[in-house]
Every structure is written in structure tokens, then in C-alpha cells.
Amino acid sequence: MSIRTTVTLDEDVLERVKAESRNRGASFRDTLNDLLRLALVTQSEAPARKPFKVRGHHMGLRPGLSYDNIEELLEYAEGADHR
């Protein structure tokens, strides 16, 4: 069973489907249906990815540095001319 519907395609998509249709020697309708099926199957078969996790590590505190003073930390890390 097929249903007739109107779809608005972007110009670049239209040209690519037309080119693919010519390469296949198939109708525009058949080519568009095949490409949509392929995209839907590929999307549903995409492997599930494990969520990315950031693991923090306690690195300790450096003696003599105040972590409340950003200016002092920048000077320590980047030198006196950090501006």
C-alpha cells in the first residue's frame, strides 16, 4: 500500500536524490523510498553508546598556595606576565 503525500525537499537534497536516481536507473519515487528506508534502518540499528563519565581524582593541595585567590593561582601557573 502506498500513500501519496507532498514533501518539501531542500534544493541540495533534491539534487542528490535526482543524481542517485540517475545512477541507479530508477525512478525518483523508488530512489527516495529506498534512501528513506536505508536511513531509518541505519538509525535504528546504531549501536548504543555507553554514557561518557568523567572520573575526578583528588590531587591534593600545594603547600603555600591559596586556592581562594585566583590572581595568585594565575601568577603561579602562567607567570607574572599572565595578563
PDB file of N, CA and C in Angstrom:
ATOM      1  N   MET A   1       0.838  -1.174   0.000  1.00  0.00           N
ATOM      2  CA  MET A   1       0.000   0.000   0.000  1.00  0.00           C
ATOM      3  C   MET A   1       0.886   1.241   0.000  1.00  0.00           C
ATOM      4  N   SER A   2       0.565   2.173  -0.833  1.00  0.00           N
ATOM      5  CA  SER A   2       1.327   3.415  -0.849  1.00  0.00           C
ATOM      6  C   SER A   2       0.367   4.588  -0.674  1.00  0.00           C
ATOM      7  N   ILE A   3       0.886   5.643  -0.095  1.00  0.00           N
ATOM      8  CA  ILE A   3       0.100   6.841   0.166  1.00  0.00           C
ATOM      9  C   ILE A   3       0.772   7.995  -0.545  1.00  0.00           C
ATOM     10  N   ARG A   4      -0.006   8.794  -1.193  1.00  0.00           N
ATOM     11  CA  ARG A   4       0.520   9.959  -1.886  1.00  0.00           C
ATOM     12  C   ARG A   4       0.546  11.127  -0.910  1.00  0.00           C
ATOM     13  N   THR A   5       1.680  11.801  -0.843  1.00  0.00           N
ATOM     14  CA  THR A   5       1.813  12.939   0.061  1.00  0.00           C
ATOM     15  C   THR A   5       2.747  13.959  -0.567  1.00  0.00           C
ATOM     16  N   THR A   6       2.735  15.153  -0.047  1.00  0.00           N
ATOM     17  CA  THR A   6       3.611  16.216  -0.533  1.00  0.00           C
ATOM     18  C   THR A   6       4.724  16.413   0.487  1.00  0.00           C
ATOM     19  N   VAL A   7       5.943  16.435  -0.015  1.00  0.00           N
ATOM     20  CA  VAL A   7       7.107  16.642   0.840  1.00  0.00           C
ATOM     21  C   VAL A   7       7.914  17.787   0.248  1.00  0.00           C
ATOM     22  N   THR A   8       8.329  18.709   1.080  1.00  0.00           N
ATOM     23  CA  THR A   8       9.176  19.804   0.624  1.00  0.00           C
ATOM     24  C   THR A   8      10.630  19.441   0.916  1.00  0.00           C
ATOM     25  N   LEU A   9      11.433  19.334  -0.142  1.00  0.00           N
ATOM     26  CA  LEU A   9      12.840  18.976  -0.001  1.00  0.00           C
ATOM     27  C   LEU A   9      13.702  20.215  -0.196  1.00  0.00           C
ATOM     28  N   ASP A  10      14.770  20.282   0.551  1.00  0.00           N
ATOM     29  CA  ASP A  10      15.753  21.328   0.305  1.00  0.00           C
ATOM     30  C   ASP A  10      16.387  21.081  -1.054  1.00  0.00           C
ATOM     31  N   GLU A  11      16.858  22.151  -1.667  1.00  0.00           N
ATOM     32  CA  GLU A  11      17.403  22.070  -3.026  1.00  0.00           C
ATOM     33  C   GLU A  11      18.569  21.079  -3.119  1.00  0.00           C
ATOM     34  N   ASP A  12      19.468  21.095  -2.116  1.00  0.00           N
ATOM     35  CA  ASP A  12      20.619  20.189  -2.160  1.00  0.00           C
ATOM     36  C   ASP A  12      20.183  18.730  -2.039  1.00  0.00           C
ATOM     37  N   VAL A  13      19.160  18.473  -1.225  1.00  0.00           N
ATOM     38  CA  VAL A  13      18.656  17.105  -1.075  1.00  0.00           C
ATOM     39  C   VAL A  13      18.010  16.646  -2.376  1.00  0.00           C
ATOM     40  N   LEU A  14      17.225  17.513  -2.980  1.00  0.00           N
ATOM     41  CA  LEU A  14      16.571  17.198  -4.241  1.00  0.00           C
ATOM     42  C   LEU A  14      17.595  16.812  -5.306  1.00  0.00           C
ATOM     43  N   GLU A  15      18.652  17.595  -5.423  1.00  0.00           N
ATOM     44  CA  GLU A  15      19.684  17.312  -6.431  1.00  0.00           C
ATOM     45  C   GLU A  15      20.385  15.983  -6.159  1.00  0.00           C
ATOM     46  N   ARG A  16      20.645  15.697  -4.892  1.00  0.00           N
ATOM     47  CA  ARG A  16      21.321  14.433  -4.567  1.00  0.00           C
ATOM     48  C   ARG A  16      20.434  13.224  -4.848  1.00  0.00           C
ATOM     49  N   VAL A  17      19.140  13.346  -4.563  1.00  0.00           N
ATOM     50  CA  VAL A  17      18.223  12.241  -4.848  1.00  0.00           C
ATOM     51  C   VAL A  17      18.077  12.063  -6.356  1.00  0.00           C
ATOM     52  N   LYS A  18      18.005  13.163  -7.106  1.00  0.00           N
ATOM     53  CA  LYS A  18      17.923  13.066  -8.569  1.00  0.00           C
ATOM     54  C   LYS A  18      19.169  12.385  -9.134  1.00  0.00           C
ATOM     55  N   ALA A  19      20.341  12.775  -8.639  1.00  0.00           N
ATOM     56  CA  ALA A  19      21.586  12.176  -9.120  1.00  0.00           C
ATOM     57  C   ALA A  19      21.626  10.690  -8.793  1.00  0.00           C
ATOM     58  N   GLU A  20      21.222  10.337  -7.589  1.00  0.00           N
ATOM     59  CA  GLU A  20      21.200   8.918  -7.191  1.00  0.00           C
ATOM     60  C   GLU A  20      20.207   8.144  -8.051  1.00  0.00           C
ATOM     61  N   SER A  21      19.100   8.771  -8.365  1.00  0.00           N
ATOM     62  CA  SER A  21      18.082   8.147  -9.221  1.00  0.00           C
ATOM     63  C   SER A  21      18.646   7.860 -10.612  1.00  0.00           C
ATOM     64  N   ARG A  22      19.383   8.829 -11.159  1.00  0.00           N
ATOM     65  CA  ARG A  22      20.016   8.613 -12.475  1.00  0.00           C
ATOM     66  C   ARG A  22      21.058   7.503 -12.407  1.00  0.00           C
ATOM     67  N   ASN A  23      21.870   7.490 -11.349  1.00  0.00           N
ATOM     68  CA  ASN A  23      22.910   6.459 -11.203  1.00  0.00           C
ATOM     69  C   ASN A  23      22.302   5.064 -11.100  1.00  0.00           C
ATOM     70  N   ARG A  24      21.190   4.955 -10.428  1.00  0.00           N
ATOM     71  CA  ARG A  24      20.545   3.654 -10.248  1.00  0.00           C
ATOM     72  C   ARG A  24      19.708   3.247 -11.461  1.00  0.00           C
ATOM     73  N   GLY A  25      19.341   4.239 -12.267  1.00  0.00           N
ATOM     74  CA  GLY A  25      18.437   3.958 -13.371  1.00  0.00           C
ATOM     75  C   GLY A  25      17.041   3.641 -12.857  1.00  0.00           C
ATOM     76  N   ALA A  26      16.676   4.253 -11.739  1.00  0.00           N
ATOM     77  CA  ALA A  26      15.381   4.010 -11.107  1.00  0.00           C
ATOM     78  C   ALA A  26      14.597   5.310 -11.065  1.00  0.00           C
ATOM     79  N   SER A  27      13.333   5.200 -10.750  1.00  0.00           N
ATOM     80  CA  SER A  27      12.501   6.407 -10.662  1.00  0.00           C
ATOM     81  C   SER A  27      12.858   7.196  -9.406  1.00  0.00           C
ATOM     82  N   PHE A  28      12.505   8.474  -9.447  1.00  0.00           N
ATOM     83  CA  PHE A  28      12.737   9.337  -8.294  1.00  0.00           C
ATOM     84  C   PHE A  28      12.009   8.780  -7.066  1.00  0.00           C
ATOM     85  N   ARG A  29      10.770   8.365  -7.253  1.00  0.00           N
ATOM     86  CA  ARG A  29       9.954   7.829  -6.160  1.00  0.00           C
ATOM     87  C   ARG A  29      10.609   6.607  -5.529  1.00  0.00           C
ATOM     88  N   ASP A  30      11.043   5.648  -6.358  1.00  0.00           N
ATOM     89  CA  ASP A  30      11.668   4.436  -5.831  1.00  0.00           C
ATOM     90  C   ASP A  30      12.978   4.749  -5.118  1.00  0.00           C
ATOM     91  N   THR A  31      13.749   5.651  -5.697  1.00  0.00           N
ATOM     92  CA  THR A  31      15.032   6.023  -5.087  1.00  0.00           C
ATOM     93  C   THR A  31      14.813   6.702  -3.743  1.00  0.00           C
ATOM     94  N   LEU A  32      13.869   7.628  -3.679  1.00  0.00           N
ATOM     95  CA  LEU A  32      13.585   8.325  -2.431  1.00  0.00           C
ATOM     96  C   LEU A  32      13.103   7.349  -1.359  1.00  0.00           C
ATOM     97  N   ASN A  33      12.229   6.433  -1.719  1.00  0.00           N
ATOM     98  CA  ASN A  33      11.758   5.426  -0.767  1.00  0.00           C
ATOM     99  C   ASN A  33      12.903   4.554  -0.269  1.00  0.00           C
ATOM    100  N   ASP A  34      13.777   4.120  -1.169  1.00  0.00           N
ATOM    101  CA  ASP A  34      14.919   3.289  -0.770  1.00  0.00           C
ATOM    102  C   ASP A  34      15.848   4.043   0.179  1.00  0.00           C
ATOM    103  N   LEU A  35      16.109   5.313  -0.136  1.00  0.00           N
ATOM    104  CA  LEU A  35      17.003   6.104   0.715  1.00  0.00           C
ATOM    105  C   LEU A  35      16.393   6.342   2.099  1.00  0.00           C
ATOM    106  N   LEU A  36      15.093   6.581   2.139  1.00  0.00           N
ATOM    107  CA  LEU A  36      14.428   6.761   3.431  1.00  0.00           C
ATOM    108  C   LEU A  36      14.455   5.467   4.248  1.00  0.00           C
ATOM    109  N   ARG A  37      14.180   4.350   3.597  1.00  0.00           N
ATOM    110  CA  ARG A  37      14.244   3.062   4.312  1.00  0.00           C
ATOM    111  C   ARG A  37      15.636   2.821   4.870  1.00  0.00           C
ATOM    112  N   LEU A  38      16.655   3.066   4.053  1.00  0.00           N
ATOM    113  CA  LEU A  38      18.036   2.861   4.481  1.00  0.00           C
ATOM    114  C   LEU A  38      18.367   3.748   5.683  1.00  0.00           C
ATOM    115  N   ALA A  39      17.952   5.009   5.631  1.00  0.00           N
ATOM    116  CA  ALA A  39      18.229   5.928   6.740  1.00  0.00           C
ATOM    117  C   ALA A  39      17.517   5.485   8.012  1.00  0.00           C
ATOM    118  N   LEU A  40      16.280   5.038   7.881  1.00  0.00           N
ATOM    119  CA  LEU A  40      15.525   4.611   9.064  1.00  0.00           C
ATOM    120  C   LEU A  40      16.103   3.337   9.674  1.00  0.00           C
ATOM    121  N   VAL A  41      16.523   2.402   8.845  1.00  0.00           N
ATOM    122  CA  VAL A  41      17.109   1.160   9.350  1.00  0.00           C
ATOM    123  C   VAL A  41      18.461   1.441   9.992  1.00  0.00           C
ATOM    124  N   THR A  42      19.263   2.261   9.339  1.00  0.00           N
ATOM    125  CA  THR A  42      20.593   2.580   9.861  1.00  0.00           C
ATOM    126  C   THR A  42      20.480   3.286  11.199  1.00  0.00           C
ATOM    127  N   GLN A  43      19.529   4.199  11.311  1.00  0.00           N
ATOM    128  CA  GLN A  43      19.358   4.938  12.560  1.00  0.00           C
ATOM    129  C   GLN A  43      18.900   4.027  13.690  1.00  0.00           C
ATOM    130  N   SER A  44      18.005   3.107  13.406  1.00  0.00           N
ATOM    131  CA  SER A  44      17.502   2.232  14.466  1.00  0.00           C
ATOM    132  C   SER A  44      18.510   1.151  14.845  1.00  0.00           C
ATOM    133  N   GLU A  45      19.454   0.860  13.973  1.00  0.00           N
ATOM    134  CA  GLU A  45      20.452  -0.170  14.259  1.00  0.00           C
ATOM    135  C   GLU A  45      21.742   0.398  14.828  1.00  0.00           C
ATOM    136  N   ALA A  46      21.787   1.694  15.046  1.00  0.00           N
ATOM    137  CA  ALA A  46      23.002   2.307  15.584  1.00  0.00           C
ATOM    138  C   ALA A  46      23.293   1.707  16.956  1.00  0.00           C
ATOM    139  N   PRO A  47      24.542   1.336  17.189  1.00  0.00           N
ATOM    140  CA  PRO A  47      24.874   0.718  18.476  1.00  0.00           C
ATOM    141  C   PRO A  47      24.696   1.710  19.624  1.00  0.00           C
ATOM    142  N   ALA A  48      24.192   1.215  20.714  1.00  0.00           N
ATOM    143  CA  ALA A  48      24.020   2.060  21.893  1.00  0.00           C
ATOM    144  C   ALA A  48      25.394   2.369  22.480  1.00  0.00           C
ATOM    145  N   ARG A  49      25.622   3.611  22.745  1.00  0.00           N
ATOM    146  CA  ARG A  49      26.906   4.019  23.313  1.00  0.00           C
ATOM    147  C   ARG A  49      26.806   4.112  24.822  1.00  0.00           C
ATOM    148  N   LYS A  50      27.892   3.750  25.463  1.00  0.00           N
ATOM    149  CA  LYS A  50      27.948   3.897  26.902  1.00  0.00           C
ATOM    150  C   LYS A  50      28.048   5.382  27.227  1.00  0.00           C
ATOM    151  N   PRO A  51      27.379   5.832  28.274  1.00  0.00           N
ATOM    152  CA  PRO A  51      27.483   7.249  28.624  1.00  0.00           C
ATOM    153  C   PRO A  51      28.903   7.607  29.033  1.00  0.00           C
ATOM    154  N   PHE A  52      29.319   8.791  28.610  1.00  0.00           N
ATOM    155  CA  PHE A  52      30.651   9.277  28.939  1.00  0.00           C
ATOM    156  C   PHE A  52      30.663   9.726  30.386  1.00  0.00           C
ATOM    157  N   LYS A  53      31.637   9.259  31.136  1.00  0.00           N
ATOM    158  CA  LYS A  53      31.749   9.631  32.541  1.00  0.00           C
ATOM    159  C   LYS A  53      33.120  10.240  32.797  1.00  0.00           C
ATOM    160  N   VAL A  54      33.124  11.274  33.567  1.00  0.00           N
ATOM    161  CA  VAL A  54      34.375  11.905  33.985  1.00  0.00           C
ATOM    162  C   VAL A  54      34.630  11.476  35.416  1.00  0.00           C
ATOM    163  N   ARG A  55      35.777  10.932  35.628  1.00  0.00           N
ATOM    164  CA  ARG A  55      36.137  10.496  36.984  1.00  0.00           C
ATOM    165  C   ARG A  55      37.171  11.473  37.554  1.00  0.00           C
ATOM    166  N   GLY A  56      36.810  12.089  38.630  1.00  0.00           N
ATOM    167  CA  GLY A  56      37.710  13.041  39.264  1.00  0.00           C
ATOM    168  C   GLY A  56      38.706  12.325  40.173  1.00  0.00           C
ATOM    169  N   HIS A  57      39.842  12.907  40.313  1.00  0.00           N
ATOM    170  CA  HIS A  57      40.871  12.365  41.198  1.00  0.00           C
ATOM    171  C   HIS A  57      41.349  13.482  42.120  1.00  0.00           C
ATOM    172  N   HIS A  58      41.432  13.171  43.383  1.00  0.00           N
ATOM    173  CA  HIS A  58      41.948  14.150  44.330  1.00  0.00           C
ATOM    174  C   HIS A  58      43.454  14.251  44.118  1.00  0.00           C
ATOM    175  N   MET A  59      43.903  15.441  43.799  1.00  0.00           N
ATOM    176  CA  MET A  59      45.318  15.630  43.509  1.00  0.00           C
ATOM    177  C   MET A  59      46.045  16.322  44.653  1.00  0.00           C
ATOM    178  N   GLY A  60      45.328  16.580  45.712  1.00  0.00           N
ATOM    179  CA  GLY A  60      45.976  17.203  46.867  1.00  0.00           C
ATOM    180  C   GLY A  60      46.112  18.705  46.685  1.00  0.00           C
ATOM    181  N   LEU A  61      46.577  19.351  47.714  1.00  0.00           N
ATOM    182  CA  LEU A  61      46.780  20.790  47.689  1.00  0.00           C
ATOM    183  C   LEU A  61      48.263  21.090  47.725  1.00  0.00           C
ATOM    184  N   ARG A  62      48.676  22.114  47.007  1.00  0.00           N
ATOM    185  CA  ARG A  62      50.078  22.523  47.055  1.00  0.00           C
ATOM    186  C   ARG A  62      50.290  23.446  48.252  1.00  0.00           C
ATOM    187  N   PRO A  63      51.291  23.126  49.046  1.00  0.00           N
ATOM    188  CA  PRO A  63      51.550  23.987  50.196  1.00  0.00           C
ATOM    189  C   PRO A  63      51.945  25.395  49.740  1.00  0.00           C
ATOM    190  N   GLY A  64      51.418  26.388  50.415  1.00  0.00           N
ATOM    191  CA  GLY A  64      51.793  27.768  50.115  1.00  0.00           C
ATOM    192  C   GLY A  64      50.887  28.458  49.119  1.00  0.00           C
ATOM    193  N   LEU A  65      49.969  27.730  48.461  1.00  0.00           N
ATOM    194  CA  LEU A  65      49.055  28.366  47.512  1.00  0.00           C
ATOM    195  C   LEU A  65      47.678  28.519  48.134  1.00  0.00           C
ATOM    196  N   SER A  66      47.076  29.668  47.915  1.00  0.00           N
ATOM    197  CA  SER A  66      45.715  29.888  48.378  1.00  0.00           C
ATOM    198  C   SER A  66      44.787  29.651  47.189  1.00  0.00           C
ATOM    199  N   TYR A  67      43.929  28.676  47.312  1.00  0.00           N
ATOM    200  CA  TYR A  67      43.006  28.363  46.216  1.00  0.00           C
ATOM    201  C   TYR A  67      41.818  29.320  46.206  1.00  0.00           C
ATOM    202  N   ASP A  68      41.786  30.242  47.139  1.00  0.00           N
ATOM    203  CA  ASP A  68      40.753  31.269  47.180  1.00  0.00           C
ATOM    204  C   ASP A  68      41.186  32.523  46.428  1.00  0.00           C
ATOM    205  N   ASN A  69      42.455  32.603  46.039  1.00  0.00           N
ATOM    206  CA  ASN A  69      42.988  33.786  45.378  1.00  0.00           C
ATOM    207  C   ASN A  69      43.327  33.438  43.925  1.00  0.00           C
ATOM    208  N   ILE A  70      42.429  33.748  43.014  1.00  0.00           N
ATOM    209  CA  ILE A  70      42.611  33.407  41.599  1.00  0.00           C
ATOM    210  C   ILE A  70      43.837  34.107  41.022  1.00  0.00           C
ATOM    211  N   GLU A  71      44.038  35.354  41.383  1.00  0.00           N
ATOM    212  CA  GLU A  71      45.184  36.115  40.861  1.00  0.00           C
ATOM    213  C   GLU A  71      46.503  35.411  41.201  1.00  0.00           C
ATOM    214  N   GLU A  72      46.609  34.942  42.419  1.00  0.00           N
ATOM    215  CA  GLU A  72      47.825  34.245  42.854  1.00  0.00           C
ATOM    216  C   GLU A  72      48.005  32.927  42.090  1.00  0.00           C
ATOM    217  N   LEU A  73      46.907  32.212  41.858  1.00  0.00           N
ATOM    218  CA  LEU A  73      46.989  30.954  41.111  1.00  0.00           C
ATOM    219  C   LEU A  73      47.405  31.185  39.669  1.00  0.00           C
ATOM    220  N   LEU A  74      46.845  32.220  39.030  1.00  0.00           N
ATOM    221  CA  LEU A  74      47.235  32.544  37.654  1.00  0.00           C
ATOM    222  C   LEU A  74      48.707  32.931  37.580  1.00  0.00           C
ATOM    223  N   GLU A  75      49.163  33.699  38.526  1.00  0.00           N
ATOM    224  CA  GLU A  75      50.568  34.089  38.528  1.00  0.00           C
ATOM    225  C   GLU A  75      51.474  32.871  38.715  1.00  0.00           C
ATOM    226  N   TYR A  76      51.063  31.957  39.556  1.00  0.00           N
ATOM    227  CA  TYR A  76      51.846  30.733  39.771  1.00  0.00           C
ATOM    228  C   TYR A  76      51.871  29.881  38.492  1.00  0.00           C
ATOM    229  N   ALA A  77      50.723  29.733  37.841  1.00  0.00           N
ATOM    230  CA  ALA A  77      50.617  28.852  36.680  1.00  0.00           C
ATOM    231  C   ALA A  77      51.210  29.450  35.414  1.00  0.00           C
ATOM    232  N   GLU A  78      50.998  30.762  35.201  1.00  0.00           N
ATOM    233  CA  GLU A  78      51.360  31.372  33.924  1.00  0.00           C
ATOM    234  C   GLU A  78      52.475  32.399  34.021  1.00  0.00           C
ATOM    235  N   GLY A  79      52.923  32.686  35.207  1.00  0.00           N
ATOM    236  CA  GLY A  79      53.988  33.651  35.377  1.00  0.00           C
ATOM    237  C   GLY A  79      53.441  35.038  35.680  1.00  0.00           C
ATOM    238  N   ALA A  80      54.340  35.929  35.980  1.00  0.00           N
ATOM    239  CA  ALA A  80      53.950  37.274  36.386  1.00  0.00           C
ATOM    240  C   ALA A  80      53.288  38.064  35.258  1.00  0.00           C
ATOM    241  N   ASP A  81      53.573  37.741  34.026  1.00  0.00           N
ATOM    242  CA  ASP A  81      53.024  38.477  32.862  1.00  0.00           C
ATOM    243  C   ASP A  81      51.814  37.764  32.260  1.00  0.00           C
ATOM    244  N   HIS A  82      50.939  37.226  33.072  1.00  0.00           N
ATOM    245  CA  HIS A  82      49.813  36.445  32.578  1.00  0.00           C
ATOM    246  C   HIS A  82      48.684  37.280  31.980  1.00  0.00           C
ATOM    247  N   ARG A  83      48.749  38.562  32.067  1.00  0.00           N
ATOM    248  CA  ARG A  83      47.652  39.405  31.549  1.00  0.00           C
ATOM    249  C   ARG A  83      47.802  39.670  30.115  1.00  0.00           C
TER     250      ARG A  83
END
